[in-house]
Amino acid sequence: MNFLLRILITTVNAFVLAHILPGIKLDSIFTALVLAVVLALLDAIVKPLLILLTLPATILTLGLFLFVINACIILIADHFVNGFKVETFWHALFFSILLSFLNSFVHKRAFAEKEKEAG
């Protein structure tokens, strides 16, 4: 249930950001749902490999290289999801930063009651 809620939150946030940001195009809410699933899969499979392969760069930049990895994940998703288009790397970087921030914000709001009950 938690996974489905996270996918839905990412779907809505990606859809909203795509309509606000220039350089990001999403055809429909269904495309945003597909994008959210693809991003979840890429985050689970590809991202750990990229982090491992770029560990020296990540350490050297004190973790800032993780933003580049997130942008690469967005560009990979652009390749796989029809109806989702990212114009440049910089658009992907900005989209990934805002999507991460928005997802984190909404997740904290959505799961605040559960954390209070557990604590």
Protein backbone atom coordinates (compact mmCIF):
# COMPACT_ATOMS: atom_id res chain seq x y z
CA MET A 1 0.00 0.00 0.00
CA ASN A 2 2.85 2.34 0.86
CA PHE A 3 4.46 1.68 -2.55
CA LEU A 4 1.23 2.51 -4.40
CA LEU A 5 0.84 5.75 -2.45
CA ARG A 6 4.40 6.74 -3.31
CA ILE A 7 3.77 6.01 -6.99
CA LEU A 8 0.60 8.12 -6.96
CA ILE A 9 2.37 11.00 -5.23
CA THR A 10 5.20 10.88 -7.75
CA THR A 11 2.64 10.75 -10.57
CA VAL A 12 0.86 13.90 -9.43
CA ASN A 13 4.08 15.77 -8.66
CA ALA A 14 5.64 14.90 -12.03
CA PHE A 15 2.46 15.92 -13.85
CA VAL A 16 2.32 19.27 -12.05
CA LEU A 17 6.03 19.98 -12.55
CA ALA A 18 5.84 19.11 -16.24
CA HIS A 19 3.14 21.72 -16.73
CA ILE A 20 5.07 24.37 -14.78
CA LEU A 21 8.63 23.85 -16.00
CA PRO A 22 9.80 24.66 -19.50
CA GLY A 23 11.69 21.89 -21.27
CA ILE A 24 9.66 19.07 -19.70
CA LYS A 25 6.70 17.62 -21.59
CA LEU A 26 4.21 15.02 -20.34
CA ASP A 27 1.29 14.06 -22.57
CA SER A 28 -1.21 12.86 -19.97
CA ILE A 29 -1.72 11.76 -16.39
CA PHE A 30 -1.44 8.14 -17.58
CA THR A 31 2.00 8.96 -19.02
CA ALA A 32 2.91 10.45 -15.64
CA LEU A 33 1.82 7.20 -13.97
CA VAL A 34 3.99 5.19 -16.34
CA LEU A 35 6.85 7.62 -15.68
CA ALA A 36 6.46 7.15 -11.91
CA VAL A 37 6.64 3.36 -12.26
CA VAL A 38 9.66 3.55 -14.58
CA LEU A 39 11.42 5.97 -12.21
CA ALA A 40 10.76 3.60 -9.29
CA LEU A 41 12.23 0.70 -11.27
CA LEU A 42 15.25 2.71 -12.39
CA ASP A 43 15.82 3.95 -8.84
CA ALA A 44 15.75 0.36 -7.60
CA ILE A 45 17.91 -1.24 -10.30
CA VAL A 46 20.07 1.27 -12.19
CA LYS A 47 20.70 3.96 -9.58
CA PRO A 48 22.60 1.70 -7.13
CA LEU A 49 24.87 0.56 -9.97
CA LEU A 50 25.53 4.15 -11.05
CA ILE A 51 26.29 5.15 -7.48
CA LEU A 52 28.73 2.27 -7.11
CA LEU A 53 30.46 3.03 -10.41
CA THR A 54 30.78 6.75 -9.64
CA LEU A 55 31.66 6.41 -5.96
CA PRO A 56 35.01 8.26 -6.28
CA ALA A 57 33.31 11.23 -7.98
CA THR A 58 30.54 11.21 -5.38
CA ILE A 59 33.04 11.21 -2.51
CA LEU A 60 35.18 13.89 -4.17
CA THR A 61 32.16 16.19 -4.62
CA LEU A 62 30.82 15.43 -1.13
CA GLY A 63 27.70 13.81 -2.55
CA LEU A 64 26.78 16.52 -5.06
CA PHE A 65 27.40 14.10 -7.93
CA LEU A 66 24.21 12.30 -6.83
CA PHE A 67 22.28 15.17 -8.45
CA VAL A 68 23.95 14.28 -11.76
CA ILE A 69 22.99 10.62 -11.26
CA ASN A 70 19.36 11.66 -10.62
CA ALA A 71 19.38 13.73 -13.81
CA CYS A 72 20.75 10.72 -15.72
CA ILE A 73 17.91 8.59 -14.35
CA ILE A 74 15.43 11.19 -15.65
CA LEU A 75 17.11 11.13 -19.08
CA ILE A 76 16.98 7.32 -19.14
CA ALA A 77 13.28 7.49 -18.29
CA ASP A 78 12.86 9.97 -21.15
CA HIS A 79 14.21 7.29 -23.46
CA PHE A 80 11.82 4.58 -22.23
CA VAL A 81 8.55 6.47 -21.67
CA ASN A 82 6.63 7.56 -24.75
CA GLY A 83 4.96 10.91 -24.17
CA PHE A 84 7.65 12.15 -21.76
CA LYS A 85 10.24 14.51 -23.20
CA VAL A 86 13.15 16.31 -21.57
CA GLU A 87 14.94 18.85 -23.76
CA THR A 88 18.38 19.10 -22.11
CA PHE A 89 20.46 17.74 -19.28
CA TRP A 90 19.90 20.96 -17.32
CA HIS A 91 16.14 20.59 -17.58
CA ALA A 92 16.51 17.01 -16.31
CA LEU A 93 18.68 18.20 -13.42
CA PHE A 94 16.24 20.91 -12.38
CA PHE A 95 13.25 18.55 -12.78
CA SER A 96 14.93 15.85 -10.67
CA ILE A 97 15.81 18.29 -7.89
CA LEU A 98 12.28 19.73 -7.75
CA LEU A 99 10.65 16.30 -8.02
CA SER A 100 12.79 14.97 -5.17
CA PHE A 101 12.01 17.99 -3.02
CA LEU A 102 8.28 17.86 -3.76
CA ASN A 103 8.08 14.10 -3.17
CA SER A 104 9.92 14.45 0.12
CA PHE A 105 7.65 17.28 1.24
CA VAL A 106 4.43 15.44 0.37
CA HIS A 107 5.65 12.15 1.88
CA LYS A 108 6.44 13.90 5.16
CA ARG A 109 2.94 15.40 5.18
CA ALA A 110 1.21 12.16 4.18
CA PHE A 111 3.03 9.97 6.71
CA ALA A 112 3.26 12.48 9.61
CA GLU A 113 0.36 10.86 11.50
CA LYS A 114 1.88 7.39 11.22
CA GLU A 115 5.19 8.66 12.61
CA LYS A 116 3.43 10.35 15.55
CA GLU A 117 1.50 7.17 16.36
CA ALA A 118 4.66 5.05 16.20
CA GLY A 119 6.66 7.43 18.38
